[in-house]
Amino acid sequence: MGVNILYFAGLREALGQSSEQLALPAQVGSVGQLHAHLVSRGGAWAALATTKNLRIAVNQRMAAMDAPVKDGDEVAFFPPVTGG
């Protein structure tokens, strides 16, 4: 199964994709561990590490880095955005 990951705004542009399905590695059980796993891909994925004020939601609820992540969850990454 795995998790459905959504990327918004500048992250979507930096990564060239708005979403992906990912089988959870055994060592990933929290938002922070998922974040670190994605950053470890290198290249464009470094945008996840360098984005200030990154917000994360699990199943459409804002979550902290220590929030649990399990198979079937939807995890969304939101960089700061402005509008007018």
C-alpha atoms as a PDB file:
ATOM      1  CA  MET A   1       0.000   0.000   0.000  1.00  0.00           C
ATOM      2  CA  GLY A   2       2.013   3.023   1.202  1.00  0.00           C
ATOM      3  CA  VAL A   3       1.247   6.716   1.557  1.00  0.00           C
ATOM      4  CA  ASN A   4      -0.037   9.300  -0.872  1.00  0.00           C
ATOM      5  CA  ILE A   5       2.192  12.393  -0.759  1.00  0.00           C
ATOM      6  CA  LEU A   6       1.022  15.776  -2.038  1.00  0.00           C
ATOM      7  CA  TYR A   7       3.297  18.726  -2.856  1.00  0.00           C
ATOM      8  CA  PHE A   8       1.983  22.281  -3.142  1.00  0.00           C
ATOM      9  CA  ALA A   9       3.098  25.636  -4.566  1.00  0.00           C
ATOM     10  CA  GLY A  10       6.878  26.108  -4.861  1.00  0.00           C
ATOM     11  CA  LEU A  11       7.597  22.522  -3.809  1.00  0.00           C
ATOM     12  CA  ARG A  12       5.426  21.214  -6.635  1.00  0.00           C
ATOM     13  CA  GLU A  13       7.395  23.383  -9.052  1.00  0.00           C
ATOM     14  CA  ALA A  14      10.805  22.428  -7.630  1.00  0.00           C
ATOM     15  CA  LEU A  15      10.030  18.698  -7.684  1.00  0.00           C
ATOM     16  CA  GLY A  16       8.170  18.694 -10.993  1.00  0.00           C
ATOM     17  CA  GLN A  17       5.260  16.730  -9.552  1.00  0.00           C
ATOM     18  CA  SER A  18       2.206  17.397  -7.442  1.00  0.00           C
ATOM     19  CA  SER A  19       1.906  13.965  -5.859  1.00  0.00           C
ATOM     20  CA  GLU A  20       3.339  10.484  -5.578  1.00  0.00           C
ATOM     21  CA  GLN A  21       2.599   7.113  -4.009  1.00  0.00           C
ATOM     22  CA  LEU A  22       5.367   5.830  -1.784  1.00  0.00           C
ATOM     23  CA  ALA A  23       5.751   2.471  -0.082  1.00  0.00           C
ATOM     24  CA  LEU A  24       6.768   3.308   3.470  1.00  0.00           C
ATOM     25  CA  PRO A  25      10.265   2.075   4.310  1.00  0.00           C
ATOM     26  CA  ALA A  26      10.393   0.099   7.566  1.00  0.00           C
ATOM     27  CA  GLN A  27      12.289   2.872   9.375  1.00  0.00           C
ATOM     28  CA  VAL A  28       9.660   5.543   8.575  1.00  0.00           C
ATOM     29  CA  GLY A  29       6.979   5.875  11.224  1.00  0.00           C
ATOM     30  CA  SER A  30       6.637   9.633  11.698  1.00  0.00           C
ATOM     31  CA  VAL A  31       6.286  12.792   9.642  1.00  0.00           C
ATOM     32  CA  GLY A  32       9.878  13.751  10.522  1.00  0.00           C
ATOM     33  CA  GLN A  33      11.233  10.392   9.398  1.00  0.00           C
ATOM     34  CA  LEU A  34       9.276  10.627   6.128  1.00  0.00           C
ATOM     35  CA  HIS A  35      10.614  14.144   5.594  1.00  0.00           C
ATOM     36  CA  ALA A  36      14.202  12.956   6.206  1.00  0.00           C
ATOM     37  CA  HIS A  37      13.684  10.006   3.845  1.00  0.00           C
ATOM     38  CA  LEU A  38      12.477  12.301   1.052  1.00  0.00           C
ATOM     39  CA  VAL A  39      15.338  14.775   1.603  1.00  0.00           C
ATOM     40  CA  SER A  40      17.841  11.888   1.431  1.00  0.00           C
ATOM     41  CA  ARG A  41      16.912  11.430  -2.240  1.00  0.00           C
ATOM     42  CA  GLY A  42      19.127  14.453  -2.950  1.00  0.00           C
ATOM     43  CA  GLY A  43      18.908  16.782  -5.925  1.00  0.00           C
ATOM     44  CA  ALA A  44      15.615  18.695  -6.135  1.00  0.00           C
ATOM     45  CA  TRP A  45      14.473  16.951  -2.950  1.00  0.00           C
ATOM     46  CA  ALA A  46      16.772  19.263  -0.981  1.00  0.00           C
ATOM     47  CA  ALA A  47      13.986  21.850  -1.427  1.00  0.00           C
ATOM     48  CA  LEU A  48      12.141  20.024   1.358  1.00  0.00           C
ATOM     49  CA  ALA A  49      15.066  20.652   3.703  1.00  0.00           C
ATOM     50  CA  THR A  50      15.630  24.284   2.758  1.00  0.00           C
ATOM     51  CA  THR A  51      12.011  25.479   2.763  1.00  0.00           C
ATOM     52  CA  LYS A  52      11.468  27.682   5.799  1.00  0.00           C
ATOM     53  CA  ASN A  53       8.162  27.441   7.684  1.00  0.00           C
ATOM     54  CA  LEU A  54       7.226  24.200   5.939  1.00  0.00           C
ATOM     55  CA  ARG A  55       3.776  23.008   7.005  1.00  0.00           C
ATOM     56  CA  ILE A  56       2.709  19.382   6.879  1.00  0.00           C
ATOM     57  CA  ALA A  57      -0.722  17.793   7.071  1.00  0.00           C
ATOM     58  CA  VAL A  58      -1.585  14.136   7.632  1.00  0.00           C
ATOM     59  CA  ASN A  59      -5.037  13.149   6.428  1.00  0.00           C
ATOM     60  CA  GLN A  60      -5.932  16.833   6.015  1.00  0.00           C
ATOM     61  CA  ARG A  61      -4.999  17.784   9.595  1.00  0.00           C
ATOM     62  CA  MET A  62      -1.964  19.907  10.358  1.00  0.00           C
ATOM     63  CA  ALA A  63       0.742  17.760  11.945  1.00  0.00           C
ATOM     64  CA  ALA A  64       4.034  18.131  13.788  1.00  0.00           C
ATOM     65  CA  MET A  65       7.213  16.276  12.836  1.00  0.00           C
ATOM     66  CA  ASP A  66       6.585  13.675  15.548  1.00  0.00           C
ATOM     67  CA  ALA A  67       3.098  12.805  14.243  1.00  0.00           C
ATOM     68  CA  PRO A  68       2.743   9.146  13.228  1.00  0.00           C
ATOM     69  CA  VAL A  69       2.504   8.101   9.584  1.00  0.00           C
ATOM     70  CA  LYS A  70       1.106   4.740   8.512  1.00  0.00           C
ATOM     71  CA  ASP A  71       0.084   2.922   5.357  1.00  0.00           C
ATOM     72  CA  GLY A  72      -2.915   4.517   3.697  1.00  0.00           C
ATOM     73  CA  ASP A  73      -2.236   8.027   5.024  1.00  0.00           C
ATOM     74  CA  GLU A  74      -2.201  11.162   2.890  1.00  0.00           C
ATOM     75  CA  VAL A  75       0.715  13.467   3.713  1.00  0.00           C
ATOM     76  CA  ALA A  76       0.778  16.987   2.269  1.00  0.00           C
ATOM     77  CA  PHE A  77       3.740  19.384   2.268  1.00  0.00           C
ATOM     78  CA  PHE A  78       2.930  23.128   2.119  1.00  0.00           C
ATOM     79  CA  PRO A  79       5.578  25.813   1.723  1.00  0.00           C
ATOM     80  CA  PRO A  80       4.627  29.361   2.731  1.00  0.00           C
ATOM     81  CA  VAL A  81       2.487  31.005   0.062  1.00  0.00           C
ATOM     82  CA  THR A  82       1.203  34.507  -0.500  1.00  0.00           C
ATOM     83  CA  GLY A  83      -1.637  35.764  -2.549  1.00  0.00           C
ATOM     84  CA  GLY A  84      -3.415  38.915  -3.360  1.00  0.00           C
END
